[in-house]
PDB file of all heavy atoms in Angstrom:
ATOM      1  N   ARG A   1      86.730 117.304 106.278  1.00  0.00           N
ATOM      2  CA  ARG A   1      85.659 118.290 106.615  1.00  0.00           C
ATOM      3  C   ARG A   1      86.241 119.745 106.628  1.00  0.00           C
ATOM      4  O   ARG A   1      85.537 120.663 106.264  1.00  0.00           O
ATOM      5  CB  ARG A   1      85.227 117.859 108.045  1.00  0.00           C
ATOM      6  CG  ARG A   1      83.990 118.790 108.401  1.00  0.00           C
ATOM      7  CD  ARG A   1      83.415 118.508 109.853  1.00  0.00           C
ATOM      8  NE  ARG A   1      84.444 119.102 110.880  1.00  0.00           N
ATOM      9  CZ  ARG A   1      84.383 120.375 111.184  1.00  0.00           C
ATOM     10  NH1 ARG A   1      83.690 121.217 110.394  1.00  0.00           N
ATOM     11  NH2 ARG A   1      85.174 120.864 112.086  1.00  0.00           N
ATOM     12  N   LEU A   2      87.539 119.893 107.086  1.00  0.00           N
ATOM     13  CA  LEU A   2      88.027 121.276 107.195  1.00  0.00           C
ATOM     14  C   LEU A   2      88.427 121.822 105.875  1.00  0.00           C
ATOM     15  O   LEU A   2      88.234 123.010 105.664  1.00  0.00           O
ATOM     16  CB  LEU A   2      89.338 121.198 108.154  1.00  0.00           C
ATOM     17  CG  LEU A   2      88.976 120.843 109.620  1.00  0.00           C
ATOM     18  CD1 LEU A   2      90.303 120.635 110.310  1.00  0.00           C
ATOM     19  CD2 LEU A   2      88.117 121.848 110.300  1.00  0.00           C
ATOM     20  N   PHE A   3      88.884 121.048 104.993  1.00  0.00           N
ATOM     21  CA  PHE A   3      89.647 121.562 103.790  1.00  0.00           C
ATOM     22  C   PHE A   3      89.077 121.006 102.526  1.00  0.00           C
ATOM     23  O   PHE A   3      89.798 121.012 101.461  1.00  0.00           O
ATOM     24  CB  PHE A   3      91.106 121.409 103.831  1.00  0.00           C
ATOM     25  CG  PHE A   3      91.749 121.979 105.058  1.00  0.00           C
ATOM     26  CD1 PHE A   3      92.276 121.279 106.022  1.00  0.00           C
ATOM     27  CD2 PHE A   3      91.850 123.362 105.243  1.00  0.00           C
ATOM     28  CE1 PHE A   3      92.880 121.874 107.190  1.00  0.00           C
ATOM     29  CE2 PHE A   3      92.355 124.000 106.289  1.00  0.00           C
ATOM     30  CZ  PHE A   3      92.888 123.243 107.299  1.00  0.00           C
ATOM     31  N   HIS A   4      87.881 120.390 102.505  1.00  0.00           N
ATOM     32  CA  HIS A   4      87.482 119.756 101.228  1.00  0.00           C
ATOM     33  C   HIS A   4      87.172 120.684 100.198  1.00  0.00           C
ATOM     34  O   HIS A   4      87.027 120.252  98.928  1.00  0.00           O
ATOM     35  CB  HIS A   4      86.014 118.955 101.575  1.00  0.00           C
ATOM     36  CG  HIS A   4      84.987 119.837 101.874  1.00  0.00           C
ATOM     37  ND1 HIS A   4      84.753 120.313 103.200  1.00  0.00           N
ATOM     38  CD2 HIS A   4      83.923 120.385 101.190  1.00  0.00           C
ATOM     39  CE1 HIS A   4      83.668 121.033 103.235  1.00  0.00           C
ATOM     40  NE2 HIS A   4      83.163 121.089 101.991  1.00  0.00           N
ATOM     41  N   GLU A   5      87.076 122.035 100.400  1.00  0.00           N
ATOM     42  CA  GLU A   5      86.786 122.957  99.358  1.00  0.00           C
ATOM     43  C   GLU A   5      88.108 123.259  98.616  1.00  0.00           C
ATOM     44  O   GLU A   5      88.024 123.861  97.525  1.00  0.00           O
ATOM     45  CB  GLU A   5      86.148 124.175  99.836  1.00  0.00           C
ATOM     46  CG  GLU A   5      84.712 124.024 100.435  1.00  0.00           C
ATOM     47  CD  GLU A   5      84.109 125.276 100.952  1.00  0.00           C
ATOM     48  OE1 GLU A   5      84.843 126.310 100.893  1.00  0.00           O
ATOM     49  OE2 GLU A   5      82.981 125.301 101.320  1.00  0.00           O
ATOM     50  N   GLU A   6      89.271 122.910  99.148  1.00  0.00           N
ATOM     51  CA  GLU A   6      90.543 123.221  98.465  1.00  0.00           C
ATOM     52  C   GLU A   6      90.761 122.292  97.297  1.00  0.00           C
ATOM     53  O   GLU A   6      90.253 121.149  97.265  1.00  0.00           O
ATOM     54  CB  GLU A   6      91.659 123.048  99.453  1.00  0.00           C
ATOM     55  CG  GLU A   6      91.635 123.882 100.677  1.00  0.00           C
ATOM     56  CD  GLU A   6      91.689 125.414 100.195  1.00  0.00           C
ATOM     57  OE1 GLU A   6      92.452 125.790  99.351  1.00  0.00           O
ATOM     58  OE2 GLU A   6      90.854 126.174 100.794  1.00  0.00           O
ATOM     59  N   ARG A   7      91.423 122.872  96.262  1.00  0.00           N
ATOM     60  CA  ARG A   7      91.610 122.165  94.971  1.00  0.00           C
ATOM     61  C   ARG A   7      92.448 120.881  95.240  1.00  0.00           C
ATOM     62  O   ARG A   7      92.283 119.820  94.673  1.00  0.00           O
ATOM     63  CB  ARG A   7      92.317 122.994  93.948  1.00  0.00           C
ATOM     64  CG  ARG A   7      92.429 122.416  92.539  1.00  0.00           C
ATOM     65  CD  ARG A   7      92.938 123.358  91.603  1.00  0.00           C
ATOM     66  NE  ARG A   7      94.293 123.797  91.901  1.00  0.00           N
ATOM     67  CZ  ARG A   7      95.397 123.106  91.526  1.00  0.00           C
ATOM     68  NH1 ARG A   7      95.330 121.948  90.661  1.00  0.00           N
ATOM     69  NH2 ARG A   7      96.673 123.609  91.779  1.00  0.00           N
ATOM     70  N   GLU A   8      93.522 121.001  96.131  1.00  0.00           N
ATOM     71  CA  GLU A   8      94.423 119.845  96.389  1.00  0.00           C
ATOM     72  C   GLU A   8      94.859 119.940  97.815  1.00  0.00           C
ATOM     73  O   GLU A   8      95.252 120.952  98.354  1.00  0.00           O
ATOM     74  CB  GLU A   8      95.465 119.796  95.425  1.00  0.00           C
ATOM     75  CG  GLU A   8      96.514 118.625  95.610  1.00  0.00           C
ATOM     76  CD  GLU A   8      97.705 118.758  94.745  1.00  0.00           C
ATOM     77  OE1 GLU A   8      97.975 119.815  94.240  1.00  0.00           O
ATOM     78  OE2 GLU A   8      98.396 117.734  94.579  1.00  0.00           O
ATOM     79  N   VAL A   9      94.786 118.790  98.543  1.00  0.00           N
ATOM     80  CA  VAL A   9      95.387 118.597  99.779  1.00  0.00           C
ATOM     81  C   VAL A   9      96.135 117.377  99.803  1.00  0.00           C
ATOM     82  O   VAL A   9      95.625 116.266  99.519  1.00  0.00           O
ATOM     83  CB  VAL A   9      94.278 118.585 100.933  1.00  0.00           C
ATOM     84  CG1 VAL A   9      94.957 118.322 102.318  1.00  0.00           C
ATOM     85  CG2 VAL A   9      93.532 119.787 100.962  1.00  0.00           C
ATOM     86  N   ARG A  10      97.432 117.409 100.008  1.00  0.00           N
ATOM     87  CA  ARG A  10      98.224 116.266  99.919  1.00  0.00           C
ATOM     88  C   ARG A  10      98.419 115.595 101.283  1.00  0.00           C
ATOM     89  O   ARG A  10      98.882 116.402 102.127  1.00  0.00           O
ATOM     90  CB  ARG A  10      99.623 116.603  99.343  1.00  0.00           C
ATOM     91  CG  ARG A  10      99.600 117.161  97.991  1.00  0.00           C
ATOM     92  CD  ARG A  10     100.995 117.673  97.347  1.00  0.00           C
ATOM     93  NE  ARG A  10     100.860 118.267  96.043  1.00  0.00           N
ATOM     94  CZ  ARG A  10     101.830 118.895  95.446  1.00  0.00           C
ATOM     95  NH1 ARG A  10     103.032 119.110  96.077  1.00  0.00           N
ATOM     96  NH2 ARG A  10     101.660 119.423  94.289  1.00  0.00           N
ATOM     97  N   VAL A  11      98.131 114.418 101.406  1.00  0.00           N
ATOM     98  CA  VAL A  11      98.161 113.795 102.790  1.00  0.00           C
ATOM     99  C   VAL A  11      99.041 112.524 102.765  1.00  0.00           C
ATOM    100  O   VAL A  11      99.178 111.814 101.744  1.00  0.00           O
ATOM    101  CB  VAL A  11      96.769 113.264 103.088  1.00  0.00           C
ATOM    102  CG1 VAL A  11      96.761 112.761 104.572  1.00  0.00           C
ATOM    103  CG2 VAL A  11      95.731 114.418 103.009  1.00  0.00           C
ATOM    104  N   GLU A  12      99.807 112.366 103.812  1.00  0.00           N
ATOM    105  CA  GLU A  12     100.615 111.135 104.010  1.00  0.00           C
ATOM    106  C   GLU A  12     100.850 110.742 105.428  1.00  0.00           C
ATOM    107  O   GLU A  12     100.617 111.656 106.385  1.00  0.00           O
ATOM    108  CB  GLU A  12     102.037 111.419 103.504  1.00  0.00           C
ATOM    109  CG  GLU A  12     102.854 112.496 104.062  1.00  0.00           C
ATOM    110  CD  GLU A  12     104.271 112.648 103.534  1.00  0.00           C
ATOM    111  OE1 GLU A  12     104.971 111.670 103.543  1.00  0.00           O
ATOM    112  OE2 GLU A  12     104.530 113.681 102.882  1.00  0.00           O
ATOM    113  N   LYS A  13     101.091 109.501 105.639  1.00  0.00           N
ATOM    114  CA  LYS A  13     101.191 109.062 106.962  1.00  0.00           C
ATOM    115  C   LYS A  13     102.495 109.540 107.581  1.00  0.00           C
ATOM    116  O   LYS A  13     103.586 109.539 106.940  1.00  0.00           O
ATOM    117  CB  LYS A  13     101.094 107.512 107.084  1.00  0.00           C
ATOM    118  CG  LYS A  13      99.779 106.886 106.741  1.00  0.00           C
ATOM    119  CD  LYS A  13      99.845 105.425 106.796  1.00  0.00           C
ATOM    120  CE  LYS A  13     100.679 104.852 105.579  1.00  0.00           C
ATOM    121  NZ  LYS A  13     100.632 103.413 105.618  1.00  0.00           N
ATOM    122  N   GLY A  14     102.510 109.839 108.935  1.00  0.00           N
ATOM    123  CA  GLY A  14     103.762 110.168 109.574  1.00  0.00           C
ATOM    124  C   GLY A  14     104.104 108.941 110.416  1.00  0.00           C
ATOM    125  O   GLY A  14     103.687 107.843 110.301  1.00  0.00           O
ATOM    126  N   ALA A  15     105.030 109.211 111.336  1.00  0.00           N
ATOM    127  CA  ALA A  15     105.639 108.140 112.196  1.00  0.00           C
ATOM    128  C   ALA A  15     104.633 107.641 113.277  1.00  0.00           C
ATOM    129  O   ALA A  15     103.692 108.408 113.619  1.00  0.00           O
ATOM    130  CB  ALA A  15     106.813 108.712 112.849  1.00  0.00           C
ATOM    131  N   PHE A  16     104.734 106.379 113.562  1.00  0.00           N
ATOM    132  CA  PHE A  16     104.047 105.862 114.722  1.00  0.00           C
ATOM    133  C   PHE A  16     104.762 106.505 116.003  1.00  0.00           C
ATOM    134  O   PHE A  16     105.988 106.654 115.993  1.00  0.00           O
ATOM    135  CB  PHE A  16     104.284 104.298 114.854  1.00  0.00           C
ATOM    136  CG  PHE A  16     103.265 103.682 113.907  1.00  0.00           C
ATOM    137  CD1 PHE A  16     103.757 102.973 112.823  1.00  0.00           C
ATOM    138  CD2 PHE A  16     102.009 103.668 114.085  1.00  0.00           C
ATOM    139  CE1 PHE A  16     102.896 102.306 111.917  1.00  0.00           C
ATOM    140  CE2 PHE A  16     101.022 102.883 113.295  1.00  0.00           C
ATOM    141  CZ  PHE A  16     101.511 102.356 112.147  1.00  0.00           C
ATOM    142  N   LEU A  17     104.012 106.707 117.045  1.00  0.00           N
ATOM    143  CA  LEU A  17     104.548 107.211 118.310  1.00  0.00           C
ATOM    144  C   LEU A  17     104.520 106.207 119.349  1.00  0.00           C
ATOM    145  O   LEU A  17     103.681 105.324 119.482  1.00  0.00           O
ATOM    146  CB  LEU A  17     103.699 108.410 118.703  1.00  0.00           C
ATOM    147  CG  LEU A  17     103.662 109.634 117.717  1.00  0.00           C
ATOM    148  CD1 LEU A  17     102.573 110.601 118.106  1.00  0.00           C
ATOM    149  CD2 LEU A  17     104.978 110.303 117.601  1.00  0.00           C
ATOM    150  N   SER A  18     105.495 106.313 120.176  1.00  0.00           N
ATOM    151  CA  SER A  18     105.668 105.348 121.304  1.00  0.00           C
ATOM    152  C   SER A  18     106.144 106.067 122.589  1.00  0.00           C
ATOM    153  O   SER A  18     106.702 107.215 122.496  1.00  0.00           O
ATOM    154  CB  SER A  18     106.579 104.117 120.914  1.00  0.00           C
ATOM    155  OG  SER A  18     107.834 104.664 120.784  1.00  0.00           O
ATOM    156  N   ARG A  19     105.968 105.452 123.629  1.00  0.00           N
ATOM    157  CA  ARG A  19     106.605 105.986 124.932  1.00  0.00           C
ATOM    158  C   ARG A  19     108.121 105.613 124.857  1.00  0.00           C
ATOM    159  O   ARG A  19     108.475 104.579 124.732  1.00  0.00           O
ATOM    160  CB  ARG A  19     105.994 105.350 126.163  1.00  0.00           C
ATOM    161  CG  ARG A  19     106.635 105.803 127.473  1.00  0.00           C
ATOM    162  CD  ARG A  19     106.056 104.921 128.560  1.00  0.00           C
ATOM    163  NE  ARG A  19     107.012 105.006 129.751  1.00  0.00           N
ATOM    164  CZ  ARG A  19     107.966 104.221 130.038  1.00  0.00           C
ATOM    165  NH1 ARG A  19     108.362 103.177 128.996  1.00  0.00           N
ATOM    166  NH2 ARG A  19     108.788 104.233 131.064  1.00  0.00           N
ATOM    167  N   GLY A  20     108.866 106.686 125.165  1.00  0.00           N
ATOM    168  CA  GLY A  20     110.452 106.400 125.036  1.00  0.00           C
ATOM    169  C   GLY A  20     111.090 106.994 126.130  1.00  0.00           C
ATOM    170  O   GLY A  20     111.902 107.921 125.965  1.00  0.00           O
ATOM    171  N   CYS A  21     111.105 106.388 127.354  1.00  0.00           N
ATOM    172  CA  CYS A  21     111.746 107.051 128.450  1.00  0.00           C
ATOM    173  C   CYS A  21     113.337 106.912 128.358  1.00  0.00           C
ATOM    174  O   CYS A  21     113.994 107.708 128.736  1.00  0.00           O
ATOM    175  CB  CYS A  21     111.257 106.308 129.756  1.00  0.00           C
ATOM    176  SG  CYS A  21     111.945 107.088 131.189  1.00  0.00           S
ATOM    177  N   ARG A  22     113.708 105.796 127.712  1.00  0.00           N
ATOM    178  CA  ARG A  22     115.099 105.592 127.489  1.00  0.00           C
ATOM    179  C   ARG A  22     115.946 105.308 128.717  1.00  0.00           C
ATOM    180  O   ARG A  22     117.196 105.394 128.683  1.00  0.00           O
ATOM    181  CB  ARG A  22     115.770 106.741 126.625  1.00  0.00           C
ATOM    182  CG  ARG A  22     114.921 107.098 125.401  1.00  0.00           C
ATOM    183  CD  ARG A  22     115.843 108.002 124.512  1.00  0.00           C
ATOM    184  NE  ARG A  22     115.964 109.276 124.993  1.00  0.00           N
ATOM    185  CZ  ARG A  22     115.045 110.358 124.868  1.00  0.00           C
ATOM    186  NH1 ARG A  22     114.012 110.115 124.123  1.00  0.00           N
ATOM    187  NH2 ARG A  22     115.329 111.467 125.313  1.00  0.00           N
ATOM    188  N   CYS A  23     115.387 105.119 129.793  1.00  0.00           N
ATOM    189  CA  CYS A  23     116.099 104.817 131.118  1.00  0.00           C
ATOM    190  C   CYS A  23     116.407 103.312 131.141  1.00  0.00           C
ATOM    191  O   CYS A  23     115.503 102.472 130.940  1.00  0.00           O
ATOM    192  CB  CYS A  23     115.405 105.331 132.346  1.00  0.00           C
ATOM    193  SG  CYS A  23     113.729 104.555 132.519  1.00  0.00           S
ATOM    194  N   THR A  24     117.541 102.971 131.401  1.00  0.00           N
ATOM    195  CA  THR A  24     117.995 101.485 131.499  1.00  0.00           C
ATOM    196  C   THR A  24     118.993 101.332 132.708  1.00  0.00           C
ATOM    197  O   THR A  24     119.650 102.361 133.037  1.00  0.00           O
ATOM    198  CB  THR A  24     118.612 100.973 130.339  1.00  0.00           C
ATOM    199  OG1 THR A  24     119.909 101.647 129.984  1.00  0.00           O
ATOM    200  CG2 THR A  24     117.668 101.079 129.053  1.00  0.00           C
ATOM    201  N   LEU A  25     119.116 100.238 133.183  1.00  0.00           N
ATOM    202  CA  LEU A  25     120.059  99.890 134.330  1.00  0.00           C
ATOM    203  C   LEU A  25     121.471 100.181 133.791  1.00  0.00           C
ATOM    204  O   LEU A  25     122.284 100.747 134.495  1.00  0.00           O
ATOM    205  CB  LEU A  25     119.884  98.467 134.785  1.00  0.00           C
ATOM    206  CG  LEU A  25     120.686  98.068 136.052  1.00  0.00           C
ATOM    207  CD1 LEU A  25     120.374  98.939 137.168  1.00  0.00           C
ATOM    208  CD2 LEU A  25     120.459  96.560 136.401  1.00  0.00           C
ATOM    209  N   GLU A  26     121.696  99.700 132.541  1.00  0.00           N
ATOM    210  CA  GLU A  26     123.031  99.939 131.924  1.00  0.00           C
ATOM    211  C   GLU A  26     123.473 101.423 131.835  1.00  0.00           C
ATOM    212  O   GLU A  26     124.594 101.834 132.140  1.00  0.00           O
ATOM    213  CB  GLU A  26     123.145  99.265 130.552  1.00  0.00           C
ATOM    214  CG  GLU A  26     123.080  97.769 130.602  1.00  0.00           C
ATOM    215  CD  GLU A  26     121.594  97.249 130.935  1.00  0.00           C
ATOM    216  OE1 GLU A  26     120.713  98.001 130.752  1.00  0.00           O
ATOM    217  OE2 GLU A  26     121.582  96.071 131.327  1.00  0.00           O
ATOM    218  N   HIS A  27     122.534 102.292 131.442  1.00  0.00           N
ATOM    219  CA  HIS A  27     122.712 103.679 131.318  1.00  0.00           C
ATOM    220  C   HIS A  27     123.063 104.259 132.666  1.00  0.00           C
ATOM    221  O   HIS A  27     124.123 105.036 132.743  1.00  0.00           O
ATOM    222  CB  HIS A  27     121.477 104.359 130.806  1.00  0.00           C
ATOM    223  CG  HIS A  27     121.455 105.896 130.913  1.00  0.00           C
ATOM    224  ND1 HIS A  27     122.254 106.587 129.978  1.00  0.00           N
ATOM    225  CD2 HIS A  27     120.850 106.744 131.624  1.00  0.00           C
ATOM    226  CE1 HIS A  27     122.124 107.938 130.314  1.00  0.00           C
ATOM    227  NE2 HIS A  27     121.272 108.057 131.305  1.00  0.00           N
ATOM    228  N   TYR A  28     122.339 103.895 133.748  1.00  0.00           N
ATOM    229  CA  TYR A  28     122.694 104.501 135.025  1.00  0.00           C
ATOM    230  C   TYR A  28     123.935 103.942 135.601  1.00  0.00           C
ATOM    231  O   TYR A  28     124.650 104.751 136.334  1.00  0.00           O
ATOM    232  CB  TYR A  28     121.460 104.343 135.972  1.00  0.00           C
ATOM    233  CG  TYR A  28     120.297 105.136 135.579  1.00  0.00           C
ATOM    234  CD1 TYR A  28     118.999 104.668 135.438  1.00  0.00           C
ATOM    235  CD2 TYR A  28     120.461 106.541 135.535  1.00  0.00           C
ATOM    236  CE1 TYR A  28     117.941 105.446 135.106  1.00  0.00           C
ATOM    237  CE2 TYR A  28     119.393 107.314 135.184  1.00  0.00           C
ATOM    238  CZ  TYR A  28     118.198 106.834 134.994  1.00  0.00           C
ATOM    239  OH  TYR A  28     117.013 107.578 134.607  1.00  0.00           O
ATOM    240  N   ARG A  29     124.222 102.669 135.298  1.00  0.00           N
ATOM    241  CA  ARG A  29     125.497 102.152 135.781  1.00  0.00           C
ATOM    242  C   ARG A  29     126.690 102.888 135.197  1.00  0.00           C
ATOM    243  O   ARG A  29     127.666 103.259 135.844  1.00  0.00           O
ATOM    244  CB  ARG A  29     125.609 100.674 135.413  1.00  0.00           C
ATOM    245  CG  ARG A  29     124.885  99.739 136.436  1.00  0.00           C
ATOM    246  CD  ARG A  29     124.945  98.310 135.889  1.00  0.00           C
ATOM    247  NE  ARG A  29     124.406  97.366 136.954  1.00  0.00           N
ATOM    248  CZ  ARG A  29     124.064  96.139 136.544  1.00  0.00           C
ATOM    249  NH1 ARG A  29     124.138  95.610 135.374  1.00  0.00           N
ATOM    250  NH2 ARG A  29     123.593  95.349 137.554  1.00  0.00           N
ATOM    251  N   ASP A  30     126.593 103.203 133.943  1.00  0.00           N
ATOM    252  CA  ASP A  30     127.566 103.849 133.264  1.00  0.00           C
ATOM    253  C   ASP A  30     127.686 105.313 133.717  1.00  0.00           C
ATOM    254  O   ASP A  30     128.857 105.771 133.939  1.00  0.00           O
ATOM    255  CB  ASP A  30     127.256 103.893 131.696  1.00  0.00           C
ATOM    256  CG  ASP A  30     128.296 104.865 130.899  1.00  0.00           C
ATOM    257  OD1 ASP A  30     129.426 104.432 130.811  1.00  0.00           O
ATOM    258  OD2 ASP A  30     128.038 105.866 130.440  1.00  0.00           O
TER     259      ASP A  30
END
């Protein structure tokens, strides 16, 4: 809708996103 008048718009999928707190019992023990 925003850019349909442009001659070419190249589109590709990016990464999936996830929650990544990265806290673990092993990390805090260390």
